[in-house]
Protein backbone atom coordinates (compact mmCIF):
# COMPACT_ATOMS: atom_id res chain seq x y z
CA MET A 1 -52.99 -41.56 24.45
CA LYS A 2 -53.22 -41.42 20.69
CA GLY A 3 -55.83 -39.00 19.44
CA MET A 4 -57.48 -38.63 22.86
CA THR A 5 -58.95 -35.56 24.50
CA MET A 6 -60.13 -35.33 28.08
CA GLU A 7 -62.99 -33.28 29.46
CA ALA A 8 -63.83 -32.65 33.11
CA GLY A 9 -65.91 -35.51 34.51
CA GLN A 10 -65.01 -37.86 31.68
CA GLU A 11 -64.19 -41.47 32.59
CA LYS A 12 -60.49 -42.08 33.14
CA PRO A 13 -58.57 -43.61 30.22
CA ALA A 14 -56.19 -46.54 30.61
CA PRO A 15 -52.99 -45.68 32.52
CA PHE A 16 -50.35 -43.79 30.54
CA LEU A 17 -47.41 -46.20 30.49
CA VAL A 18 -45.19 -44.17 28.15
CA ALA A 19 -42.31 -43.24 30.48
CA GLU A 20 -39.89 -46.07 29.59
CA HIS A 21 -39.57 -46.81 33.33
CA PRO A 22 -42.16 -48.00 35.90
CA ALA A 23 -41.03 -45.46 38.51
CA LEU A 24 -41.90 -42.59 36.16
CA ASP A 25 -45.08 -44.32 35.02
CA ALA A 26 -46.00 -44.14 38.71
CA LEU A 27 -45.46 -40.36 38.72
CA ASN A 28 -47.66 -40.19 35.64
CA SER A 29 -50.49 -41.89 37.56
CA ARG A 30 -51.41 -38.30 38.46
CA CYS A 31 -51.07 -36.01 35.49
CA ALA A 32 -52.75 -33.31 33.42
CA PRO A 33 -51.98 -34.03 29.76
CA TRP A 34 -54.96 -31.97 28.58
CA GLY A 35 -55.19 -29.47 31.43
CA ASN A 36 -57.63 -31.46 33.59
CA GLU A 37 -55.88 -33.53 36.25
CA ILE A 38 -56.36 -37.29 36.15
CA GLU A 39 -55.76 -39.40 39.29
CA TRP A 40 -55.54 -43.19 38.90
CA TRP A 41 -54.74 -43.83 42.58
CA GLY A 42 -57.75 -42.07 44.02
CA ASP A 43 -58.85 -45.20 45.89
CA GLY A 44 -57.71 -48.74 46.56
CA ALA A 45 -59.46 -50.25 43.56
CA GLY A 46 -57.83 -47.72 41.25
CA LEU A 47 -54.41 -48.45 42.71
CA LEU A 48 -54.83 -52.20 42.23
CA ASP A 49 -55.97 -51.70 38.64
CA TRP A 50 -52.92 -49.55 37.97
CA LEU A 51 -50.48 -52.05 39.53
CA ARG A 52 -52.01 -54.75 37.36
CA ALA A 53 -51.81 -52.66 34.18
CA ALA A 54 -48.20 -51.68 34.92
CA GLY A 55 -47.23 -55.33 35.39
CA LEU A 56 -45.72 -54.72 38.83
CA VAL A 57 -47.91 -57.29 40.61
CA ASP A 58 -49.32 -60.52 39.18
CA ASP A 59 -53.06 -60.83 38.59
CA ASP A 60 -53.47 -63.69 41.06
CA VAL A 61 -51.87 -61.62 43.83
CA ILE A 62 -54.08 -58.63 43.00
CA GLU A 63 -57.19 -60.81 43.10
CA ARG A 64 -56.20 -62.42 46.41
CA VAL A 65 -55.45 -59.12 48.12
CA ALA A 66 -58.64 -57.56 46.76
CA SER A 67 -60.71 -60.44 48.15
CA GLU A 68 -59.00 -60.56 51.55
CA ALA A 69 -58.53 -56.86 52.35
CA GLY A 70 -61.46 -54.60 53.03
CA GLU A 71 -62.20 -51.45 51.06
CA ASP A 72 -61.01 -49.24 53.93
CA VAL A 73 -57.65 -51.06 54.06
CA LEU A 74 -57.14 -50.71 50.32
CA ASP A 75 -58.11 -47.04 50.36
CA LYS A 76 -55.55 -46.47 53.13
CA LEU A 77 -52.98 -48.23 50.95
CA ALA A 78 -53.85 -45.88 48.08
CA THR A 79 -53.28 -42.92 50.41
CA GLN A 80 -49.85 -44.32 51.31
CA ALA A 81 -49.09 -44.86 47.63
CA ARG A 82 -49.99 -41.25 46.81
CA GLN A 83 -47.76 -40.00 49.62
CA LEU A 84 -44.86 -42.10 48.34
CA ARG A 85 -45.47 -40.92 44.77
CA GLU A 86 -45.54 -37.22 45.67
CA TRP A 87 -42.41 -37.55 47.80
CA TYR A 88 -40.72 -39.21 44.83
CA ARG A 89 -42.03 -36.55 42.43
CA ASP A 90 -40.31 -33.87 44.51
CA LEU A 91 -37.09 -35.91 44.49
CA ILE A 92 -37.18 -36.45 40.72
CA THR A 93 -38.04 -32.81 40.07
CA ARG A 94 -34.89 -31.75 41.92
CA TYR A 95 -32.45 -34.38 40.68
CA ALA A 96 -33.58 -35.40 37.17
CA GLY A 97 -30.90 -34.82 34.55
CA ASP A 98 -27.93 -35.52 36.81
CA PRO A 99 -26.52 -38.49 38.73
CA PHE A 100 -27.95 -38.70 42.23
CA PRO A 101 -25.29 -37.27 44.60
CA ALA A 102 -24.03 -39.55 47.34
CA SER A 103 -24.01 -36.51 49.63
CA ALA A 104 -27.84 -36.51 49.51
CA ILE A 105 -28.23 -40.16 50.54
CA ASP A 106 -30.12 -39.20 53.73
CA GLU A 107 -32.96 -37.92 51.54
CA LEU A 108 -33.63 -41.50 50.45
CA GLU A 109 -34.52 -42.72 53.94
CA PRO A 110 -38.30 -42.76 53.19
CA LEU A 111 -37.56 -45.03 50.23
CA ASN A 112 -35.38 -47.29 52.35
CA ARG A 113 -38.24 -47.67 54.82
CA TRP A 114 -40.47 -48.94 52.02
CA LEU A 115 -37.75 -51.25 50.71
CA ALA A 116 -37.49 -52.76 54.20
CA ARG A 117 -41.11 -53.91 53.84
CA ASP A 118 -40.23 -56.07 50.85
CA LYS A 119 -40.80 -59.61 52.13
CA GLN A 120 -39.36 -62.36 49.96
CA VAL A 121 -39.01 -66.13 50.37
CA ARG A 122 -36.88 -68.69 48.56
CA VAL A 123 -38.89 -71.00 46.31
CA ILE A 124 -37.77 -74.03 44.34
CA GLU A 125 -39.88 -74.78 41.27
CA ALA A 126 -39.80 -76.88 38.14
CA VAL A 127 -38.81 -74.97 35.01
CA GLY A 128 -39.07 -77.30 32.03
CA SER A 129 -36.98 -80.37 32.81
CA HIS A 130 -34.98 -78.59 35.53
CA VAL A 131 -35.61 -77.19 38.99
CA HIS A 132 -34.90 -73.57 39.76
CA LEU A 133 -34.33 -71.89 43.12
CA HIS A 134 -35.26 -68.22 43.24
CA TRP A 135 -36.53 -65.41 45.43
CA GLN A 136 -40.25 -64.72 45.30
CA ALA A 137 -42.12 -61.81 46.83
CA SER A 138 -44.45 -62.78 49.65
CA PHE A 139 -47.47 -60.49 49.50
CA SER A 140 -48.76 -61.46 52.93
CA ARG A 141 -49.92 -57.93 53.80
CA PRO A 142 -51.52 -55.27 51.58
CA GLU A 143 -48.63 -52.81 52.06
CA HIS A 144 -46.28 -55.37 50.51
CA LEU A 145 -47.91 -54.50 47.18
CA LEU A 146 -45.96 -51.24 47.16
CA ALA A 147 -42.58 -52.94 47.61
CA PRO A 148 -42.09 -53.63 43.86
CA LEU A 149 -42.91 -49.99 43.15
CA ALA A 150 -40.42 -48.79 45.77
CA ALA A 151 -37.81 -51.13 44.25
CA GLN A 152 -38.34 -49.57 40.81
CA MET A 153 -38.05 -46.08 42.28
CA ALA A 154 -34.79 -47.03 43.98
CA GLU A 155 -33.46 -48.66 40.82
CA LEU A 156 -34.00 -45.49 38.79
CA ILE A 157 -32.29 -43.29 41.40
CA ALA A 158 -29.27 -45.60 41.48
CA SER A 159 -29.04 -46.07 37.70
CA ASP A 160 -27.44 -44.14 34.86
CA GLN A 161 -30.94 -43.45 33.50
CA LEU A 162 -31.58 -40.67 36.00
CA VAL A 163 -29.51 -38.30 33.84
CA SER A 164 -31.95 -38.94 30.96
CA VAL A 165 -35.16 -38.25 32.89
CA LYS A 166 -37.21 -35.43 31.39
CA ASN A 167 -40.58 -33.74 31.70
CA CYS A 168 -42.75 -33.29 28.62
CA GLU A 169 -42.17 -29.81 27.20
CA TRP A 170 -45.72 -29.27 25.98
CA PRO A 171 -47.75 -27.17 28.44
CA PRO A 172 -49.87 -28.14 30.30
CA CYS A 173 -48.75 -31.79 29.95
CA THR A 174 -46.96 -33.00 33.09
CA LEU A 175 -45.80 -36.47 31.99
CA TRP A 176 -42.30 -37.71 32.83
CA PHE A 177 -40.18 -40.07 30.74
CA VAL A 178 -36.69 -41.47 30.24
CA ASP A 179 -35.15 -40.22 27.02
CA THR A 180 -33.89 -43.43 25.40
CA SER A 181 -33.30 -41.85 22.00
CA LYS A 182 -29.81 -42.05 20.49
CA ASN A 183 -29.26 -38.30 20.37
CA GLN A 184 -31.02 -37.56 23.69
CA LYS A 185 -33.26 -35.00 22.01
CA ARG A 186 -36.69 -36.39 22.88
CA ARG A 187 -38.91 -33.53 24.04
CA TRP A 188 -42.41 -34.99 24.24
CA CYS A 189 -44.06 -37.74 26.25
CA SER A 190 -45.54 -38.98 22.97
CA MET A 191 -44.99 -37.83 19.41
CA ALA A 192 -48.53 -39.01 18.64
CA VAL A 193 -50.00 -36.49 21.08
CA CYS A 194 -47.80 -33.69 22.42
CA GLY A 195 -45.34 -33.91 19.54
CA ASN A 196 -48.16 -33.39 17.07
CA ARG A 197 -49.55 -30.53 19.15
CA ALA A 198 -46.17 -28.80 19.02
CA LYS A 199 -45.94 -29.33 15.27
CA ALA A 200 -49.43 -27.95 14.76
CA ALA A 201 -48.68 -24.92 16.93
CA ALA A 202 -45.45 -24.24 15.01
CA HIS A 203 -47.34 -24.54 11.72
CA ARG A 204 -49.97 -22.05 12.88
CA ALA A 205 -47.28 -19.65 14.04
CA ARG A 206 -45.54 -19.82 10.65
CA LYS A 207 -48.82 -19.13 8.82
CA LYS A 208 -49.43 -16.04 10.97
């Protein structure tokens, strides 16, 4: 994001992976850091590019799914991803800053439905001079690509980090992040962008 500005119609920049957690990076796949909304998941190709950039799905899996699934199938997957993201945005907006209450567990049923689609198999492989048995995701259907994302969303809800989730304070920026600072006083998605904007605005106000 450093030093960037965005005008209407301008080509999308690289995904903003500044949230300190993949689940919030996913929320930031639709954002308006400069006033004009940017949507990275507008179609299937954009969704695959984002999953690759975020490191949630390996390149070889992305390439295989892209070659096997048709454009219509991938665009439908992007629609499902946007629906999941906006449902999660509403959840985070309401519960960020506090532990998720057990009394609200029924609200997580949509997430549980996505987690149930996570298909994994046991694989034994050579690791150096040893063999290692582990679970490996089986991306046999396009919708399985969203299982790692759903897992990250669930992990954040169930973790202590939820109490440190914040929204950037600079209007009109909409980016979310986990405040990992020692004193829990982070206010901006990025000091290089919104932090500097706030400093500049404060400087102008003092001069007036």
